[in-house]
Amino acid sequence: MGDYKPSDDEKVLFSKREYFNVELGHQICELRLLDPLTGVTNKDINERNELSTYIPHPLRLNRLLSEEEMAAIDYTSMKDDLPFYIRPKHHTEPGNVKNATTVVTQKNLVPYARYYSAVATEKLGLHPIMAAVREKLTRPGTEKDFHSAVGARTVEAYGNVYDLGFTVQQGARNIQTSKVARLGDPEVRYLITDIIRIAMVLLEKAFPGRDSDIQTRSWLGNASIGIGHKDNTEFTSIQVNISEPKSDLNSSLKDFGSLHMDATDNPISFTASFCVSHLPENYFPGRFAITPARLMCLTAPFTALVFTANQPHIALAGGRYPKGLPHDSPLRYSPKVDLPELPHDNSDNSFGIRDYRRINVIPYPNIKMQEYETHKLRDTVFDDDSLLVWGSMRNKREFEMRHAMLLKYQDGKLNVPKYKDAKSWVRKFAWQDKKGNWHFPRRRLAERLIEIMEKEDTELNQLKDDVESYSCGNKFRGYKTCKYVTWTHERQLIRFRDSISAGSRKDS
């Protein structure tokens, strides 16, 4: 298991693809859009797309890589307590990242990615709720119910990929309740609320100093959908990927098992992916790579990643460790913390043991649900059954209030005195519980929305411009292949080409 050593051809290839420099600090990492030789970057979207398709072969090995191997392939392994930020290329102020304690001391840094190990998620107190999500998703009947809800044709076309919240309808692009949510199973409601609670904690702790109020203003002003919790301003949807450990990701997850970018994800918002896999012993858990920045992390159980899925990325499946690799080898993964065990009392399984599964849960921000055309909302978003997705009547009614206010604004009537009174909006969308008690939307939401509608948000516009400066566009422009780069024993360059997804998340 010697170190991977690049050939001269490989070194040339990786030096050509350098447009993100990584500068490590004490508590943050900065990705800089600078060429190490010239100090500038002239790479356009097409060049960034092309360079993002190269995946070094060692990332597919079923073992850990040494620091020397990571340096050889020009990849950075994401570590705990090191959030990654980008300094957009049109911001030229010199960095001081090595002396920074938080991003608050830095100007013009945009949050990019944050990895959490199993130790980190345990410190956040997330293991019990993550274990509850895993318990529900590994029940023998759960996957069967999901499969029945979406239908065999959908699974055949898109793989074992299930949406739990709202989805965008194919063709008409209407926003509707997902097929899984339409089952009406209370367990799905608990899943959604638990998953969103996890995602909110992961995002809240991900980027010290992040101005989350920019996202809140966007959520208010666009009457964006936020499922599962009244304070969720980021996540509109939940995707659950389930596959057998022995299966190939391309066959079990289709496009989502290939290198792809999620073009419908809002680039200024974040995905909070976490892993609750149930894997066999002697099994390497696999990796996840964000290819433009050449960042890598493990997809081990109870780990998590907050990132922008609008950037090209790929999950690389794990597998059995190589024969002959000692059990005490430093190239084997260890969670370094005791993980919760699954129950063994499942009456539906004659062996009392859960089947092994790779499970990744992905709460994400669909821009079509954050900045939508109001006529695209179907009745299922507002009916009583949708409460399962909203998570609470408060969340549902406060969304309906924001949506109604958006309609008045679009009609040019929000400045009319009777529509400009926050108190009247709150009264209009009050509701009674089963005991007859009255509840009201938070008045501050209505007040802030009226304030936001009346002025342009320059900070939000600046953030969109910053993100656009390192964007790879909405799809891989003309590049239909993923290039797994490896070398023969004769050190000759070979490129293995696999199919690549150039689109976005599936529509239901």
Protein backbone atom coordinates (compact mmCIF):
# COMPACT_ATOMS: atom_id res chain seq x y z
CA MET A 1 0.00 0.00 0.00
CA GLY A 2 2.76 2.40 -0.93
CA ASP A 3 2.22 6.10 -1.42
CA TYR A 4 0.73 7.22 -4.71
CA LYS A 5 3.39 9.09 -6.69
CA PRO A 6 2.41 11.15 -9.70
CA SER A 7 4.22 11.03 -12.98
CA ASP A 8 5.56 14.16 -14.66
CA ASP A 9 2.47 14.18 -16.91
CA GLU A 10 0.23 14.13 -13.87
CA LYS A 11 2.06 17.01 -12.22
CA VAL A 12 1.64 19.08 -15.37
CA LEU A 13 -2.06 18.25 -15.54
CA PHE A 14 -2.73 19.28 -11.95
CA SER A 15 -0.69 22.48 -12.23
CA LYS A 16 -2.78 23.46 -15.24
CA ARG A 17 -6.01 22.98 -13.36
CA GLU A 18 -4.98 25.18 -10.45
CA TYR A 19 -7.38 28.06 -9.98
CA PHE A 20 -8.26 27.61 -6.32
CA ASN A 21 -5.41 28.10 -3.86
CA VAL A 22 -5.93 26.82 -0.33
CA GLU A 23 -4.48 28.85 2.52
CA LEU A 24 -4.80 27.19 5.90
CA GLY A 25 -5.41 29.30 8.98
CA HIS A 26 -5.82 28.49 12.66
CA GLN A 27 -9.59 28.23 12.50
CA ILE A 28 -10.59 28.83 8.88
CA CYS A 29 -9.41 27.91 5.39
CA GLU A 30 -9.46 30.34 2.51
CA LEU A 31 -9.89 29.31 -1.12
CA ARG A 32 -8.44 31.98 -3.37
CA LEU A 33 -9.24 32.38 -7.03
CA LEU A 34 -5.61 33.07 -7.85
CA ASP A 35 -3.10 31.40 -10.14
CA PRO A 36 0.04 30.67 -8.08
CA LEU A 37 2.32 31.94 -10.85
CA THR A 38 0.56 35.04 -12.13
CA GLY A 39 -1.51 36.00 -9.10
CA VAL A 40 -4.67 36.26 -11.21
CA THR A 41 -7.12 33.93 -12.87
CA ASN A 42 -8.56 34.34 -16.33
CA LYS A 43 -10.42 31.05 -16.44
CA ASP A 44 -13.97 31.41 -17.70
CA ILE A 45 -16.95 29.16 -16.99
CA ASN A 46 -16.06 26.73 -19.78
CA GLU A 47 -12.53 26.29 -18.44
CA ARG A 48 -13.81 25.82 -14.89
CA ASN A 49 -16.24 23.20 -16.16
CA GLU A 50 -13.49 21.32 -17.98
CA LEU A 51 -11.11 21.37 -15.02
CA SER A 52 -13.87 20.20 -12.69
CA THR A 53 -14.27 16.92 -14.59
CA TYR A 54 -10.90 15.46 -13.55
CA ILE A 55 -11.03 12.98 -10.68
CA PRO A 56 -7.72 11.42 -9.60
CA HIS A 57 -7.93 7.64 -9.44
CA PRO A 58 -6.66 7.38 -5.82
CA LEU A 59 -9.93 8.92 -4.62
CA ARG A 60 -11.57 5.66 -5.68
CA LEU A 61 -9.33 3.49 -3.49
CA ASN A 62 -11.04 1.69 -0.62
CA ARG A 63 -8.72 2.99 2.07
CA LEU A 64 -7.53 6.26 3.53
CA LEU A 65 -4.89 8.23 1.67
CA SER A 66 -1.68 9.49 3.20
CA GLU A 67 -0.80 13.17 3.30
CA GLU A 68 1.80 12.54 0.60
CA GLU A 69 -0.82 10.95 -1.64
CA MET A 70 -3.23 13.83 -1.09
CA ALA A 71 -0.48 16.29 -1.99
CA ALA A 72 0.38 14.26 -5.09
CA ILE A 73 -3.17 14.49 -6.44
CA ASP A 74 -3.51 18.13 -5.37
CA TYR A 75 -6.57 17.53 -3.15
CA THR A 76 -7.31 18.90 0.32
CA SER A 77 -8.96 16.73 2.95
CA MET A 78 -11.56 18.68 4.90
CA LYS A 79 -11.01 18.53 8.65
CA ASP A 80 -13.11 19.36 11.69
CA ASP A 81 -13.22 22.98 12.84
CA LEU A 82 -11.91 24.26 9.51
CA PRO A 83 -14.67 25.89 7.48
CA PHE A 84 -13.73 26.81 3.93
CA TYR A 85 -14.38 30.29 2.53
CA ILE A 86 -13.77 31.84 -0.88
CA ARG A 87 -12.43 35.28 -1.61
CA PRO A 88 -14.10 36.19 -4.95
CA LYS A 89 -11.67 37.29 -7.62
CA HIS A 90 -12.94 40.87 -7.83
CA HIS A 91 -12.08 41.37 -4.14
CA THR A 92 -8.38 42.15 -4.07
CA GLU A 93 -7.79 42.90 -0.40
CA PRO A 94 -4.88 40.83 0.94
CA GLY A 95 -5.76 37.92 3.19
CA ASN A 96 -4.83 37.57 6.83
CA VAL A 97 -6.27 34.13 7.28
CA LYS A 98 -3.33 32.69 9.23
CA ASN A 99 -3.93 35.14 12.07
CA ALA A 100 -7.71 35.05 11.95
CA THR A 101 -9.72 33.50 14.74
CA THR A 102 -13.07 33.83 12.99
CA VAL A 103 -14.28 35.01 9.64
CA VAL A 104 -15.57 38.15 11.36
CA THR A 105 -12.05 39.55 11.07
CA GLN A 106 -12.03 38.89 7.33
CA LYS A 107 -13.66 41.02 4.65
CA ASN A 108 -15.19 39.74 1.46
CA LEU A 109 -15.05 36.03 2.31
CA VAL A 110 -17.95 33.89 1.10
CA PRO A 111 -18.76 30.61 2.95
CA TYR A 112 -18.12 27.54 0.77
CA ALA A 113 -17.98 24.21 2.63
CA ARG A 114 -17.77 22.69 6.11
CA TYR A 115 -17.20 19.04 7.04
CA TYR A 116 -18.19 17.42 10.34
CA SER A 117 -16.65 14.13 11.47
CA ALA A 118 -18.54 11.67 13.67
CA VAL A 119 -16.71 13.21 16.63
CA ALA A 120 -17.90 16.69 15.64
CA THR A 121 -21.55 15.69 15.22
CA GLU A 122 -21.39 13.95 18.60
CA LYS A 123 -20.08 17.16 20.19
CA LEU A 124 -23.03 19.03 18.65
CA GLY A 125 -25.37 16.59 20.41
CA LEU A 126 -26.74 15.27 17.11
CA HIS A 127 -26.11 11.55 17.50
CA PRO A 128 -29.43 10.69 19.19
CA ILE A 129 -31.53 12.42 16.54
CA MET A 130 -29.34 11.11 13.70
CA ALA A 131 -29.74 7.62 15.17
CA ALA A 132 -33.52 8.10 15.18
CA VAL A 133 -33.42 9.04 11.48
CA ARG A 134 -31.28 5.99 10.72
CA GLU A 135 -33.62 3.72 12.68
CA LYS A 136 -36.63 4.89 10.65
CA LEU A 137 -34.85 4.67 7.29
CA THR A 138 -33.43 1.17 7.88
CA ARG A 139 -36.74 -0.40 8.85
CA PRO A 140 -37.55 -3.13 6.30
CA GLY A 141 -40.90 -1.55 5.44
CA THR A 142 -39.63 2.00 4.91
CA GLU A 143 -37.75 1.52 1.65
CA LYS A 144 -40.59 -0.65 0.35
CA ASP A 145 -43.14 2.09 1.11
CA PHE A 146 -40.96 4.74 -0.55
CA HIS A 147 -40.54 2.54 -3.61
CA SER A 148 -44.29 1.94 -3.87
CA ALA A 149 -45.04 5.66 -3.49
CA VAL A 150 -42.81 6.85 -6.32
CA GLY A 151 -43.45 3.87 -8.59
CA ALA A 152 -41.22 1.33 -10.31
CA ARG A 153 -40.76 3.46 -13.43
CA THR A 154 -39.45 6.40 -11.44
CA VAL A 155 -37.02 4.19 -9.53
CA GLU A 156 -35.85 2.63 -12.79
CA ALA A 157 -35.28 6.08 -14.31
CA TYR A 158 -33.83 7.94 -11.30
CA GLY A 159 -32.65 5.22 -8.94
CA ASN A 160 -33.33 4.81 -5.23
CA VAL A 161 -33.65 8.55 -4.71
CA TYR A 162 -36.65 9.71 -2.69
CA ASP A 163 -38.05 13.20 -2.03
CA LEU A 164 -39.76 13.67 1.33
CA GLY A 165 -41.03 17.26 1.16
CA PHE A 166 -42.25 19.37 -1.73
CA THR A 167 -41.10 18.72 -5.29
CA VAL A 168 -41.24 20.41 -8.68
CA GLN A 169 -43.58 18.68 -11.10
CA GLN A 170 -42.19 17.48 -14.39
CA GLY A 171 -43.22 19.43 -17.45
CA ALA A 172 -45.48 22.05 -15.90
CA ARG A 173 -42.89 22.79 -13.17
CA ASN A 174 -45.60 23.23 -10.57
CA ILE A 175 -44.67 22.95 -6.90
CA GLN A 176 -46.48 20.12 -5.17
CA THR A 177 -46.32 17.69 -2.26
CA SER A 178 -43.96 14.79 -2.95
CA LYS A 179 -45.30 11.31 -3.61
CA VAL A 180 -43.74 10.01 -0.41
CA ALA A 181 -45.40 12.79 1.63
CA ARG A 182 -48.73 11.96 0.02
CA LEU A 183 -48.64 8.60 1.79
CA GLY A 184 -49.86 10.50 4.84
CA ASP A 185 -47.64 8.43 7.12
CA PRO A 186 -47.00 10.27 10.43
CA GLU A 187 -43.52 8.74 10.45
CA VAL A 188 -42.68 10.83 7.38
CA ARG A 189 -43.60 13.97 9.32
CA TYR A 190 -41.28 12.96 12.15
CA LEU A 191 -38.55 12.22 9.61
CA ILE A 192 -38.91 15.63 7.99
CA THR A 193 -38.86 17.55 11.27
CA ASP A 194 -35.90 15.55 12.62
CA ILE A 195 -33.93 15.95 9.39
CA ILE A 196 -34.52 19.70 9.27
CA ARG A 197 -33.54 20.08 12.92
CA ILE A 198 -30.23 18.35 12.15
CA ALA A 199 -29.67 20.47 9.05
CA MET A 200 -30.36 23.72 10.90
CA VAL A 201 -27.79 22.89 13.60
CA LEU A 202 -25.19 21.89 11.01
CA LEU A 203 -25.66 25.13 9.09
CA GLU A 204 -25.81 27.34 12.17
CA LYS A 205 -22.42 26.07 13.37
CA ALA A 206 -20.79 25.75 9.95
CA PHE A 207 -19.47 29.23 9.21
CA PRO A 208 -18.56 31.51 12.13
CA GLY A 209 -19.49 35.07 11.32
CA ARG A 210 -21.77 34.23 8.39
CA ASP A 211 -24.39 36.94 7.90
CA SER A 212 -27.44 34.67 7.93
CA ASP A 213 -29.74 37.69 7.91
CA ILE A 214 -29.10 38.07 4.17
CA GLN A 215 -30.67 34.64 3.65
CA THR A 216 -33.48 35.51 6.07
CA ARG A 217 -34.32 38.65 4.11
CA SER A 218 -34.38 36.66 0.87
CA TRP A 219 -36.65 34.07 2.51
CA LEU A 220 -39.01 36.78 3.70
CA GLY A 221 -39.02 38.91 0.58
CA ASN A 222 -39.58 35.98 -1.79
CA ALA A 223 -42.04 34.19 0.51
CA SER A 224 -39.73 31.19 0.18
CA ILE A 225 -40.77 27.73 1.27
CA GLY A 226 -39.09 26.37 4.40
CA ILE A 227 -40.19 22.89 5.48
CA GLY A 228 -40.16 21.12 8.82
CA HIS A 229 -39.63 24.08 11.17
CA LYS A 230 -40.85 27.66 11.52
CA ASP A 231 -37.30 29.03 11.65
CA ASN A 232 -36.03 27.11 8.63
CA THR A 233 -35.13 29.81 6.09
CA GLU A 234 -32.78 27.69 3.98
CA PHE A 235 -34.05 24.18 3.17
CA THR A 236 -37.00 23.68 0.82
CA SER A 237 -36.63 19.99 0.11
CA ILE A 238 -35.20 16.69 1.35
CA GLN A 239 -33.64 14.01 -0.80
CA VAL A 240 -32.83 10.56 0.61
CA ASN A 241 -30.41 8.32 -1.31
CA ILE A 242 -30.51 4.63 -0.42
CA SER A 243 -28.32 1.94 -1.95
CA GLU A 244 -26.82 -1.43 -1.12
CA PRO A 245 -23.13 -1.29 -0.15
CA LYS A 246 -22.22 -3.81 -2.84
CA SER A 247 -24.03 -1.88 -5.60
CA ASP A 248 -22.51 0.61 -8.01
CA LEU A 249 -23.66 4.17 -7.34
CA ASN A 250 -24.21 4.85 -11.03
CA SER A 251 -26.74 2.02 -11.23
CA SER A 252 -28.42 2.51 -7.84
CA LEU A 253 -28.57 6.33 -7.82
CA LYS A 254 -28.36 7.02 -11.59
CA ASP A 255 -27.28 10.63 -12.24
CA PHE A 256 -26.82 11.26 -8.53
CA GLY A 257 -24.12 8.59 -8.44
CA SER A 258 -22.13 10.41 -11.13
CA LEU A 259 -20.26 13.68 -11.19
CA HIS A 260 -22.93 16.35 -11.38
CA MET A 261 -24.05 19.75 -10.19
CA ASP A 262 -27.53 20.56 -8.94
CA ALA A 263 -28.43 23.47 -11.17
CA THR A 264 -31.74 24.16 -9.42
CA ASP A 265 -30.05 24.62 -6.03
CA ASN A 266 -29.85 28.26 -4.97
CA PRO A 267 -26.13 29.14 -5.19
CA ILE A 268 -26.31 31.55 -2.25
CA SER A 269 -27.90 28.90 0.00
CA PHE A 270 -26.54 25.64 1.37
CA THR A 271 -27.14 21.92 1.32
CA ALA A 272 -26.60 20.09 4.62
CA SER A 273 -25.92 16.46 3.76
CA PHE A 274 -25.40 13.83 6.44
CA CYS A 275 -24.75 10.10 6.40
CA VAL A 276 -26.63 7.49 8.44
CA SER A 277 -25.42 4.39 6.60
CA HIS A 278 -25.49 0.91 8.13
CA LEU A 279 -22.34 -0.73 6.78
CA PRO A 280 -20.72 -4.15 7.23
CA GLU A 281 -17.42 -4.67 9.02
CA ASN A 282 -14.14 -4.38 7.13
CA TYR A 283 -15.80 -1.84 4.83
CA PHE A 284 -14.36 1.51 3.77
CA PRO A 285 -17.21 4.10 3.86
CA GLY A 286 -16.34 6.02 0.69
CA ARG A 287 -15.64 9.64 -0.17
CA PHE A 288 -17.24 12.83 -1.40
CA ALA A 289 -15.43 15.32 -3.61
CA ILE A 290 -16.16 18.93 -4.58
CA THR A 291 -14.15 18.95 -7.77
CA PRO A 292 -13.69 22.68 -8.63
CA ALA A 293 -11.96 23.35 -5.31
CA ARG A 294 -10.46 19.84 -5.07
CA LEU A 295 -11.89 19.28 -1.60
CA MET A 296 -12.55 15.80 -0.26
CA CYS A 297 -14.18 14.27 2.82
CA LEU A 298 -15.35 10.83 3.95
CA THR A 299 -18.98 9.69 3.81
CA ALA A 300 -18.82 7.67 7.00
CA PRO A 301 -21.83 7.10 9.28
CA PHE A 302 -22.71 10.12 11.44
CA THR A 303 -20.55 12.50 9.40
CA ALA A 304 -21.96 15.56 7.64
CA LEU A 305 -21.12 18.19 5.04
CA VAL A 306 -22.51 21.68 4.49
CA PHE A 307 -21.77 22.94 0.98
CA THR A 308 -23.20 24.56 -2.13
CA ALA A 309 -24.46 21.75 -4.39
CA ASN A 310 -24.48 24.21 -7.28
CA GLN A 311 -20.78 23.33 -7.56
CA PRO A 312 -19.75 20.07 -9.35
CA HIS A 313 -19.48 17.18 -6.91
CA ILE A 314 -19.45 13.40 -6.76
CA ALA A 315 -19.91 10.64 -4.19
CA LEU A 316 -17.37 7.85 -4.56
CA ALA A 317 -18.66 4.57 -3.16
CA GLY A 318 -16.61 2.62 -0.67
CA GLY A 319 -16.07 -1.11 -0.48
CA ARG A 320 -14.13 -3.87 1.20
CA TYR A 321 -10.67 -2.91 2.36
CA PRO A 322 -7.86 -4.35 0.22
CA LYS A 323 -6.75 -7.84 1.13
CA GLY A 324 -3.69 -7.82 3.31
CA LEU A 325 -4.33 -4.39 4.83
CA PRO A 326 -3.62 -4.90 8.56
CA HIS A 327 -6.51 -4.28 10.94
CA ASP A 328 -4.40 -1.74 12.82
CA SER A 329 -3.29 0.07 9.67
CA PRO A 330 -3.50 3.88 9.76
CA LEU A 331 -5.08 3.59 6.31
CA ARG A 332 -8.26 2.16 7.87
CA TYR A 333 -11.03 4.53 8.92
CA SER A 334 -12.00 4.82 12.58
CA PRO A 335 -14.86 7.05 13.82
CA LYS A 336 -12.91 7.71 17.06
CA VAL A 337 -16.19 7.80 18.97
CA ASP A 338 -18.76 5.19 19.98
CA LEU A 339 -21.66 5.29 17.51
CA PRO A 340 -25.28 4.48 18.43
CA GLU A 341 -26.28 0.91 17.65
CA LEU A 342 -29.34 -0.12 15.70
CA PRO A 343 -32.05 -2.08 17.54
CA HIS A 344 -32.21 -5.82 16.89
CA ASP A 345 -35.86 -6.36 17.79
CA ASN A 346 -37.44 -5.85 14.37
CA SER A 347 -40.33 -8.30 14.06
CA ASP A 348 -40.52 -7.74 10.29
CA ASN A 349 -37.09 -9.29 9.87
CA SER A 350 -36.77 -12.95 10.85
CA PHE A 351 -33.11 -12.46 11.69
CA GLY A 352 -33.77 -9.40 13.84
CA ILE A 353 -30.96 -7.55 12.04
CA ARG A 354 -31.27 -4.56 9.72
CA ASP A 355 -30.08 -4.89 6.13
CA TYR A 356 -26.89 -3.06 5.26
CA ARG A 357 -27.52 0.18 3.41
CA ARG A 358 -25.68 3.29 2.27
CA ILE A 359 -27.97 6.15 3.30
CA ASN A 360 -27.33 9.82 2.64
CA VAL A 361 -29.89 12.42 3.69
CA ILE A 362 -29.76 15.69 1.79
CA PRO A 363 -31.81 18.74 2.86
CA TYR A 364 -31.30 21.29 0.10
CA PRO A 365 -32.47 24.71 -1.20
CA ASN A 366 -34.37 24.47 -4.50
CA ILE A 367 -34.33 27.94 -6.01
CA LYS A 368 -37.64 27.17 -7.74
CA MET A 369 -39.20 27.04 -4.27
CA GLN A 370 -37.31 30.05 -2.95
CA GLU A 371 -37.84 32.41 -5.88
CA TYR A 372 -40.94 30.91 -7.46
CA GLU A 373 -43.71 32.11 -9.72
CA THR A 374 -46.72 32.31 -7.42
CA HIS A 375 -49.06 30.62 -9.89
CA LYS A 376 -46.84 27.51 -9.81
CA LEU A 377 -47.98 26.57 -6.31
CA ARG A 378 -50.48 23.73 -6.46
CA ASP A 379 -53.31 23.32 -3.98
CA THR A 380 -51.48 20.45 -2.25
CA VAL A 381 -49.02 23.01 -0.82
CA PHE A 382 -51.88 24.65 1.10
CA ASP A 383 -54.22 21.77 1.97
CA ASP A 384 -54.44 20.06 5.35
CA ASP A 385 -52.34 17.09 4.24
CA SER A 386 -49.38 19.41 3.60
CA LEU A 387 -49.07 19.91 7.37
CA LEU A 388 -47.01 16.72 7.31
CA VAL A 389 -44.37 18.59 5.27
CA TRP A 390 -44.59 21.95 7.03
CA GLY A 391 -44.09 20.25 10.39
CA SER A 392 -46.36 22.61 12.33
CA MET A 393 -49.45 24.73 11.80
CA ARG A 394 -47.41 27.80 12.72
CA ASN A 395 -44.95 27.20 9.91
CA LYS A 396 -47.77 26.59 7.44
CA ARG A 397 -49.82 29.67 8.39
CA GLU A 398 -46.81 31.97 8.50
CA PHE A 399 -45.87 30.83 4.99
CA GLU A 400 -49.43 31.49 3.82
CA MET A 401 -49.23 34.99 5.30
CA ARG A 402 -45.91 35.71 3.57
CA HIS A 403 -47.28 34.32 0.30
CA ALA A 404 -50.41 36.49 0.48
CA MET A 405 -48.30 39.57 1.19
CA LEU A 406 -46.08 38.75 -1.79
CA LEU A 407 -49.14 38.60 -4.03
CA LYS A 408 -50.26 42.04 -2.84
CA TYR A 409 -46.77 43.41 -3.45
CA GLN A 410 -46.74 42.00 -6.98
CA ASP A 411 -50.12 43.62 -7.57
CA GLY A 412 -48.70 46.94 -6.36
CA LYS A 413 -51.07 47.06 -3.40
CA LEU A 414 -48.76 46.51 -0.43
CA ASN A 415 -48.39 50.28 -0.02
CA VAL A 416 -52.14 50.68 0.42
CA PRO A 417 -52.67 51.53 4.12
CA LYS A 418 -54.99 48.60 4.85
CA TYR A 419 -52.42 46.17 3.41
CA LYS A 420 -49.46 47.88 5.08
CA ASP A 421 -50.72 47.15 8.59
CA ALA A 422 -48.78 44.17 10.00
CA LYS A 423 -51.37 43.66 12.73
CA SER A 424 -54.15 43.07 10.22
CA TRP A 425 -52.08 40.42 8.41
CA VAL A 426 -51.42 38.64 11.69
CA ARG A 427 -55.12 38.63 12.57
CA LYS A 428 -56.09 37.40 9.10
CA PHE A 429 -53.90 34.31 9.37
CA ALA A 430 -54.64 33.37 12.97
CA TRP A 431 -55.74 29.80 13.66
CA GLN A 432 -57.37 27.73 16.38
CA ASP A 433 -55.94 24.53 17.80
CA LYS A 434 -57.98 21.46 18.73
CA LYS A 435 -58.65 22.89 22.17
CA GLY A 436 -60.09 26.09 20.73
CA ASN A 437 -57.10 28.27 21.62
CA TRP A 438 -56.17 31.02 19.16
CA HIS A 439 -52.64 31.37 17.79
CA PHE A 440 -51.15 34.13 15.65
CA PRO A 441 -48.26 34.40 13.18
CA ARG A 442 -45.26 36.30 14.49
CA ARG A 443 -45.95 39.98 13.93
CA ARG A 444 -42.27 40.73 13.39
CA LEU A 445 -42.31 38.62 10.21
CA ALA A 446 -45.02 40.80 8.68
CA GLU A 447 -43.28 44.01 9.79
CA ARG A 448 -39.92 42.97 8.34
CA LEU A 449 -41.47 41.77 5.10
CA ILE A 450 -43.11 45.17 4.57
CA GLU A 451 -39.74 46.84 5.24
CA ILE A 452 -37.91 44.52 2.83
CA MET A 453 -40.40 44.96 0.00
CA GLU A 454 -39.87 48.72 0.04
CA LYS A 455 -36.13 48.78 -0.70
CA GLU A 456 -33.51 47.07 -2.79
CA ASP A 457 -31.24 44.64 -0.93
CA THR A 458 -27.75 45.65 -2.05
CA GLU A 459 -26.02 43.12 0.22
CA LEU A 460 -28.04 40.27 -1.30
CA ASN A 461 -27.22 41.48 -4.81
CA GLN A 462 -23.53 41.69 -3.91
CA LEU A 463 -23.57 38.13 -2.56
CA LYS A 464 -25.12 36.89 -5.79
CA ASP A 465 -22.39 38.65 -7.77
CA ASP A 466 -19.69 37.17 -5.52
CA VAL A 467 -21.03 33.64 -5.97
CA GLU A 468 -21.29 34.12 -9.73
CA SER A 469 -17.57 34.96 -9.90
CA TYR A 470 -16.59 31.34 -9.13
CA SER A 471 -19.65 29.65 -10.61
CA CYS A 472 -19.44 26.78 -13.08
CA GLY A 473 -22.72 27.86 -14.63
CA ASN A 474 -25.98 25.95 -14.61
CA LYS A 475 -24.57 22.83 -16.25
CA PHE A 476 -21.42 21.34 -17.66
CA ARG A 477 -21.24 23.23 -20.91
CA GLY A 478 -20.45 20.65 -23.56
CA TYR A 479 -18.55 18.31 -21.26
CA LYS A 480 -20.38 15.01 -21.15
CA THR A 481 -17.67 12.87 -19.60
CA CYS A 482 -16.06 12.49 -16.23
CA LYS A 483 -12.32 11.83 -16.54
CA TYR A 484 -10.96 9.40 -13.97
CA VAL A 485 -7.24 10.02 -14.23
CA THR A 486 -4.85 7.15 -13.57
CA TRP A 487 -1.56 5.75 -14.82
CA THR A 488 -0.41 2.33 -16.02
CA HIS A 489 2.70 0.63 -14.71
CA GLU A 490 4.50 2.17 -17.68
CA ARG A 491 3.41 5.59 -16.32
CA GLN A 492 1.42 6.44 -19.42
CA LEU A 493 -1.59 8.68 -19.02
CA ILE A 494 -4.96 6.98 -19.42
CA ARG A 495 -8.35 8.63 -19.04
CA PHE A 496 -11.32 6.46 -18.23
CA ARG A 497 -14.51 8.19 -19.33
CA ASP A 498 -17.78 7.55 -17.55
CA SER A 499 -21.15 9.17 -18.11
CA ILE A 500 -21.68 12.48 -16.36
CA SER A 501 -24.81 14.25 -15.27
CA ALA A 502 -24.93 17.81 -16.53
CA GLY A 503 -28.32 18.76 -15.22
CA SER A 504 -30.03 19.22 -11.90
CA ARG A 505 -32.00 17.29 -9.33
CA LYS A 506 -34.83 15.20 -10.67
CA ASP A 507 -38.37 16.51 -10.80
CA SER A 508 -41.16 14.30 -9.58
